[in-house]
Amino acid sequence: MCQLGGTQLILSLQNAIHHRRAFQHLDLIDSNYKYCPSKVEWEKIEQFCSFLKVFYDSTLMFFGTNYPTANLYFPAVYLCYIELKKQIEGDNEHLKVMASKMWLKFEKYWSEFCATLAIACVLDPRYKMTFINFVYTKIYGECSLEFHRFNTKLQSLFDAYKSSHSLQPSSSNALGNDLNNVRNDDTFDTMEAFKEFDEMSSNEFRCNSLKCQLELYLDEPKMSRHVKLDILDFWKSNQFRYPNLASMDRDILSISMSTVASEASFSVGGRVLDQYRSSLKPGECRSNYLLARLDMCRIRRARCQAGFGEYYSQRRCT
């Protein structure tokens, strides 16, 4: 079982736990059955299954058939981070050894791609900057240098999109222009009580116009985390309110979750090449190459004949 990948391993453990009573019953009625796990071993199996469940769920999310967008990466990987740290600092020696080996792989991807895909999480209206601040505080402490660096990267990335795309008026600017175009002969304009209100409104719109689209988006209250949201539809409907932010969103959310095969995501073993999973033999490579060359020659010959046929038909018409 130790040779299985992470996906097969947890499925095997779950099936074993589900049929636990069957194993125990078989041990009672069959004297030849010598491999029934003891009570302590069943407890270890349950602990391993609980530990791997977090990574199994993340693997299904990353490599599902629906191809999820990149905003789902950061919350799922944060759970993996917490689970690995918990087991590394725990008392279970078996899980500590496994978690330490998995951490060697995990830390590399966390350090290199954490900030990029955390930006995708910010673009999710259910998380925004509040969740990133929460995670960085849990991991690095309050007012950490890592969070300051992330905030700088987010702002510089938005500034790059802002400078490369033409600015479009947001909804607040459009509403402010409508207020400026109100007729001067309105009876309410003559009332002294409403002049103070008009000045306050104009100052409010002036302050909002000075804010960039990123600040306006982050200042809005976030949605509930339990809301089922199609984030692509959300940004499609808000692309006119935040045109530059929507352009950045299209590029960030299209980042592939991973290019690693699901079996190798959290596997502590290496890649195995045997006689059934190896390179092709020289003879097979040679025959495949000759067949490909033969097909190419046939295609070229057919194209040439078709070209000459069209040429002669045009000459006859002329």
Protein backbone atom coordinates (compact mmCIF):
# COMPACT_ATOMS: atom_id res chain seq x y z
CA MET A 1 0.00 0.00 0.00
CA CYS A 2 2.91 2.33 0.59
CA GLN A 3 3.62 2.24 -3.16
CA LEU A 4 0.22 3.72 -3.99
CA GLY A 5 -0.22 7.35 -4.88
CA GLY A 6 -2.10 9.74 -2.64
CA THR A 7 -5.45 9.30 -4.42
CA GLN A 8 -5.44 5.49 -4.39
CA LEU A 9 -4.11 5.41 -0.85
CA ILE A 10 -6.91 7.41 0.73
CA LEU A 11 -9.56 5.55 -1.27
CA SER A 12 -8.10 2.25 -0.05
CA LEU A 13 -8.08 3.48 3.54
CA GLN A 14 -11.66 4.71 3.32
CA ASN A 15 -12.81 1.39 1.90
CA ALA A 16 -10.94 -0.48 4.63
CA ILE A 17 -12.57 1.63 7.37
CA HIS A 18 -15.98 1.15 5.78
CA HIS A 19 -15.54 -2.66 5.84
CA ARG A 20 -13.88 -2.76 9.26
CA ARG A 21 -16.51 -5.03 10.79
CA ALA A 22 -16.21 -7.40 7.84
CA PHE A 23 -12.48 -7.77 8.50
CA GLN A 24 -13.12 -8.42 12.18
CA HIS A 25 -15.85 -10.96 11.39
CA LEU A 26 -13.56 -12.74 8.93
CA ASP A 27 -10.89 -12.95 11.61
CA LEU A 28 -13.36 -14.77 13.90
CA ILE A 29 -14.69 -17.33 11.43
CA ASP A 30 -11.57 -18.02 9.34
CA SER A 31 -8.51 -19.35 11.13
CA ASN A 32 -6.38 -18.92 7.99
CA TYR A 33 -6.93 -15.16 7.95
CA LYS A 34 -3.90 -13.72 9.75
CA TYR A 35 -3.86 -10.10 8.59
CA CYS A 36 -6.71 -8.44 10.45
CA PRO A 37 -5.51 -5.06 11.82
CA SER A 38 -5.47 -4.64 15.55
CA LYS A 39 -7.29 -1.90 17.44
CA VAL A 40 -4.16 0.25 17.51
CA GLU A 41 -3.63 -0.26 13.77
CA TRP A 42 -7.23 0.75 13.03
CA GLU A 43 -6.67 3.95 14.98
CA LYS A 44 -3.57 4.66 12.89
CA ILE A 45 -5.53 4.02 9.70
CA GLU A 46 -8.20 6.51 10.79
CA GLN A 47 -5.53 9.10 11.61
CA PHE A 48 -3.84 8.65 8.22
CA CYS A 49 -7.20 8.88 6.45
CA SER A 50 -8.09 12.09 8.30
CA PHE A 51 -4.69 13.56 7.46
CA LEU A 52 -4.85 12.72 3.75
CA LYS A 53 -8.47 13.83 3.37
CA VAL A 54 -7.42 17.50 3.12
CA PHE A 55 -5.01 16.77 0.28
CA TYR A 56 -7.45 14.45 -1.46
CA ASP A 57 -10.12 17.18 -1.53
CA SER A 58 -7.58 19.69 -2.84
CA THR A 59 -6.47 17.28 -5.54
CA LEU A 60 -10.05 16.77 -6.68
CA MET A 61 -10.51 20.54 -6.82
CA PHE A 62 -7.33 21.14 -8.82
CA PHE A 63 -7.76 18.29 -11.28
CA GLY A 64 -11.54 18.07 -11.58
CA THR A 65 -13.21 17.87 -14.94
CA ASN A 66 -14.67 21.38 -14.54
CA TYR A 67 -11.21 23.01 -14.61
CA PRO A 68 -11.69 25.49 -11.76
CA THR A 69 -10.37 29.04 -11.95
CA ALA A 70 -7.29 30.14 -10.04
CA ASN A 71 -9.21 31.92 -7.27
CA LEU A 72 -9.86 28.54 -5.60
CA TYR A 73 -6.15 27.77 -5.24
CA PHE A 74 -5.18 29.88 -2.25
CA PRO A 75 -7.92 28.81 0.24
CA ALA A 76 -7.35 25.12 -0.54
CA VAL A 77 -3.58 25.32 -0.30
CA TYR A 78 -3.85 27.25 2.95
CA LEU A 79 -5.70 24.28 4.45
CA CYS A 80 -2.89 22.00 3.27
CA TYR A 81 -0.35 24.36 4.82
CA ILE A 82 -2.12 24.29 8.18
CA GLU A 83 -2.50 20.50 8.12
CA LEU A 84 1.17 19.91 7.31
CA LYS A 85 2.35 22.29 10.03
CA LYS A 86 -0.02 20.64 12.51
CA GLN A 87 1.33 17.16 11.85
CA ILE A 88 4.99 18.25 11.73
CA GLU A 89 4.60 19.79 15.17
CA GLY A 90 2.39 16.93 16.46
CA ASP A 91 3.17 13.84 18.53
CA ASN A 92 2.37 11.17 15.95
CA GLU A 93 5.77 10.03 14.68
CA HIS A 94 4.43 8.25 11.59
CA LEU A 95 2.46 11.29 10.43
CA LYS A 96 5.36 13.57 11.34
CA VAL A 97 7.70 11.67 9.01
CA MET A 98 5.18 11.70 6.15
CA ALA A 99 4.33 15.38 6.64
CA SER A 100 8.03 16.32 6.72
CA LYS A 101 8.63 14.63 3.36
CA MET A 102 5.56 16.28 1.85
CA TRP A 103 6.63 19.65 3.21
CA LEU A 104 9.83 19.56 1.15
CA LYS A 105 7.72 19.62 -2.02
CA PHE A 106 5.03 21.88 -0.67
CA GLU A 107 7.33 24.65 0.55
CA LYS A 108 8.84 25.13 -2.91
CA TYR A 109 5.48 25.83 -4.58
CA TRP A 110 4.23 27.89 -1.64
CA SER A 111 7.22 30.24 -1.71
CA GLU A 112 7.25 30.66 -5.50
CA PHE A 113 3.57 30.90 -6.41
CA CYS A 114 1.84 31.97 -3.20
CA ALA A 115 1.69 35.69 -4.03
CA THR A 116 0.52 35.24 -7.63
CA LEU A 117 -2.41 33.01 -6.79
CA ALA A 118 -3.24 34.98 -3.66
CA ILE A 119 -3.95 37.86 -6.06
CA ALA A 120 -6.50 35.61 -7.76
CA CYS A 121 -8.11 35.09 -4.35
CA VAL A 122 -8.34 38.86 -3.86
CA LEU A 123 -10.32 39.05 -7.10
CA ASP A 124 -12.91 36.72 -5.59
CA PRO A 125 -15.59 38.95 -3.97
CA ARG A 126 -16.15 36.31 -1.28
CA TYR A 127 -12.59 36.68 0.05
CA LYS A 128 -10.93 39.91 -1.13
CA MET A 129 -8.06 41.33 0.93
CA THR A 130 -9.69 40.33 4.22
CA PHE A 131 -8.91 36.65 3.75
CA ILE A 132 -5.34 37.32 2.59
CA ASN A 133 -4.73 39.46 5.66
CA PHE A 134 -6.18 36.70 7.84
CA VAL A 135 -3.95 34.01 6.31
CA TYR A 136 -0.75 36.06 6.41
CA THR A 137 -1.45 37.00 10.02
CA LYS A 138 -1.91 33.33 10.96
CA ILE A 139 1.30 32.30 9.21
CA TYR A 140 3.66 35.26 9.52
CA GLY A 141 2.12 37.36 12.31
CA GLU A 142 0.50 40.79 12.30
CA CYS A 143 1.88 43.55 10.04
CA SER A 144 4.36 41.13 8.53
CA LEU A 145 6.87 42.00 5.85
CA GLU A 146 5.44 39.26 3.63
CA PHE A 147 1.99 40.88 3.65
CA HIS A 148 3.53 44.27 2.83
CA ARG A 149 5.37 42.72 -0.11
CA PHE A 150 2.18 41.07 -1.33
CA ASN A 151 0.28 44.35 -1.13
CA THR A 152 3.05 46.04 -3.13
CA LYS A 153 2.93 43.32 -5.81
CA LEU A 154 -0.84 43.63 -6.09
CA GLN A 155 -0.70 47.40 -6.49
CA SER A 156 2.16 47.30 -9.01
CA LEU A 157 0.34 44.67 -11.08
CA PHE A 158 -2.80 46.76 -11.18
CA ASP A 159 -0.79 49.87 -12.09
CA ALA A 160 0.69 47.95 -15.03
CA TYR A 161 -2.77 47.09 -16.33
CA LYS A 162 -3.96 50.62 -15.65
CA SER A 163 -1.19 52.10 -17.77
CA SER A 164 -1.64 49.62 -20.62
CA HIS A 165 -5.40 49.98 -20.97
CA SER A 166 -7.38 53.09 -21.72
CA LEU A 167 -9.31 54.38 -18.74
CA GLN A 168 -13.08 54.21 -18.88
CA PRO A 169 -15.39 56.19 -16.59
CA SER A 170 -16.68 54.18 -13.67
CA SER A 171 -20.25 54.21 -12.48
CA SER A 172 -19.47 56.76 -9.76
CA ASN A 173 -17.97 59.17 -12.29
CA ALA A 174 -20.93 58.74 -14.59
CA LEU A 175 -23.30 59.46 -11.73
CA GLY A 176 -21.27 62.51 -10.80
CA ASN A 177 -21.55 63.83 -14.34
CA ASP A 178 -25.29 63.36 -14.21
CA LEU A 179 -25.47 65.45 -11.06
CA ASN A 180 -23.48 68.21 -12.71
CA ASN A 181 -25.95 68.28 -15.62
CA VAL A 182 -29.00 68.96 -13.45
CA ARG A 183 -31.03 71.94 -14.64
CA ASN A 184 -30.25 75.24 -12.97
CA ASP A 185 -33.90 76.31 -12.87
CA ASP A 186 -34.83 73.57 -10.40
CA THR A 187 -36.79 75.07 -7.51
CA PHE A 188 -34.73 73.17 -4.96
CA ASP A 189 -31.54 74.96 -6.08
CA THR A 190 -32.90 78.19 -4.64
CA MET A 191 -33.21 76.74 -1.16
CA GLU A 192 -30.30 77.41 1.15
CA ALA A 193 -30.82 74.12 3.01
CA PHE A 194 -30.05 72.03 -0.08
CA LYS A 195 -26.87 73.88 -1.05
CA GLU A 196 -24.95 72.29 1.81
CA PHE A 197 -26.18 68.88 0.70
CA ASP A 198 -25.05 69.53 -2.87
CA GLU A 199 -21.57 70.51 -1.67
CA MET A 200 -21.30 67.37 0.45
CA SER A 201 -22.38 65.19 -2.49
CA SER A 202 -19.89 66.80 -4.86
CA ASN A 203 -17.06 66.29 -2.33
CA GLU A 204 -18.03 62.65 -1.93
CA PHE A 205 -17.94 62.01 -5.69
CA ARG A 206 -14.67 63.90 -5.95
CA CYS A 207 -13.10 61.62 -3.33
CA ASN A 208 -14.39 58.52 -5.09
CA SER A 209 -13.04 59.71 -8.42
CA LEU A 210 -9.58 59.98 -6.89
CA LYS A 211 -9.73 56.32 -5.82
CA CYS A 212 -8.53 53.74 -8.29
CA GLN A 213 -10.73 50.85 -9.36
CA LEU A 214 -8.86 48.44 -7.09
CA GLU A 215 -9.59 50.57 -4.02
CA LEU A 216 -13.25 50.97 -4.98
CA TYR A 217 -13.58 47.20 -5.41
CA LEU A 218 -11.88 46.41 -2.09
CA ASP A 219 -13.94 49.01 -0.21
CA GLU A 220 -17.17 47.28 -1.17
CA PRO A 221 -18.42 44.73 1.39
CA LYS A 222 -17.46 41.18 0.50
CA MET A 223 -20.00 38.47 -0.22
CA SER A 224 -20.67 35.54 2.04
CA ARG A 225 -18.15 32.73 1.67
CA HIS A 226 -20.96 30.18 1.37
CA VAL A 227 -22.50 31.82 -1.71
CA LYS A 228 -22.20 29.72 -4.86
CA LEU A 229 -20.66 32.21 -7.25
CA ASP A 230 -19.64 31.95 -10.88
CA ILE A 231 -16.71 34.35 -10.72
CA LEU A 232 -16.48 34.64 -14.51
CA ASP A 233 -20.09 35.82 -14.70
CA PHE A 234 -19.44 38.22 -11.83
CA TRP A 235 -16.58 39.96 -13.62
CA LYS A 236 -18.42 39.87 -16.92
CA SER A 237 -21.27 41.84 -15.35
CA ASN A 238 -18.84 44.25 -13.62
CA GLN A 239 -16.40 44.82 -16.48
CA PHE A 240 -17.81 48.29 -17.17
CA ARG A 241 -17.52 49.36 -13.55
CA TYR A 242 -13.91 48.13 -13.24
CA PRO A 243 -12.54 47.84 -16.81
CA ASN A 244 -8.85 47.73 -15.85
CA LEU A 245 -9.46 45.37 -12.96
CA ALA A 246 -11.56 43.11 -15.21
CA SER A 247 -8.69 42.95 -17.73
CA MET A 248 -6.32 41.88 -14.97
CA ASP A 249 -8.90 39.41 -13.72
CA ARG A 250 -9.17 37.67 -17.10
CA ASP A 251 -5.43 37.02 -17.16
CA ILE A 252 -5.07 36.02 -13.51
CA LEU A 253 -8.04 33.64 -13.34
CA SER A 254 -6.92 31.83 -16.49
CA ILE A 255 -3.69 30.68 -14.80
CA SER A 256 -3.58 26.89 -14.76
CA MET A 257 -4.00 25.47 -11.29
CA SER A 258 -1.15 23.01 -11.83
CA THR A 259 0.79 21.31 -14.60
CA VAL A 260 1.70 18.33 -12.40
CA ALA A 261 -0.16 15.05 -12.72
CA SER A 262 -2.59 14.49 -9.87
CA GLU A 263 -0.78 11.35 -8.75
CA ALA A 264 2.43 13.32 -8.22
CA SER A 265 0.86 16.25 -6.40
CA PHE A 266 1.38 15.06 -2.84
CA SER A 267 3.20 11.80 -3.47
CA VAL A 268 6.35 11.19 -1.43
CA GLY A 269 7.64 8.65 -3.95
CA GLY A 270 9.53 9.28 -7.15
CA ARG A 271 8.63 8.59 -10.75
CA VAL A 272 8.81 4.91 -11.59
CA LEU A 273 9.80 3.62 -15.04
CA ASP A 274 9.52 -0.11 -15.60
CA GLN A 275 9.40 -2.36 -18.64
CA TYR A 276 5.77 -1.39 -19.24
CA ARG A 277 6.20 2.35 -18.75
CA SER A 278 9.40 3.25 -20.52
CA SER A 279 10.68 4.66 -23.81
CA LEU A 280 9.90 3.07 -27.16
CA LYS A 281 12.31 0.59 -28.65
CA PRO A 282 14.57 1.83 -31.48
CA GLY A 283 12.79 -0.30 -34.06
CA GLU A 284 9.38 1.06 -33.11
CA CYS A 285 10.66 4.64 -33.23
CA ARG A 286 12.15 4.04 -36.70
CA SER A 287 8.96 2.49 -38.08
CA ASN A 288 6.79 5.29 -36.65
CA TYR A 289 9.10 7.89 -38.20
CA LEU A 290 8.97 6.23 -41.63
CA LEU A 291 5.19 5.96 -41.52
CA ALA A 292 4.92 9.66 -40.61
CA ARG A 293 7.25 10.60 -43.51
CA LEU A 294 5.24 8.43 -45.91
CA ASP A 295 1.96 10.09 -44.87
CA MET A 296 3.54 13.51 -45.31
CA CYS A 297 4.71 12.66 -48.83
CA ARG A 298 1.23 11.44 -49.77
CA ILE A 299 -0.35 14.65 -48.49
CA ARG A 300 2.11 16.80 -50.44
CA ARG A 301 1.53 14.78 -53.62
CA ALA A 302 -2.24 15.14 -53.26
CA ARG A 303 -1.92 18.88 -52.74
CA CYS A 304 0.30 19.26 -55.79
CA GLN A 305 -2.11 17.31 -57.97
CA ALA A 306 -5.02 19.40 -56.71
CA GLY A 307 -3.09 22.58 -57.42
CA PHE A 308 -2.19 21.55 -60.99
CA GLY A 309 -5.79 20.54 -61.64
CA GLU A 310 -7.03 23.98 -60.64
CA TYR A 311 -4.30 25.61 -62.76
CA TYR A 312 -5.24 23.67 -65.93
CA SER A 313 -8.95 24.27 -65.42
CA GLN A 314 -8.33 28.01 -65.18
CA ARG A 315 -6.22 27.91 -68.39
CA ARG A 316 -9.05 26.15 -70.27
CA CYS A 317 -11.55 28.78 -69.13
CA THR A 318 -9.31 31.59 -70.37
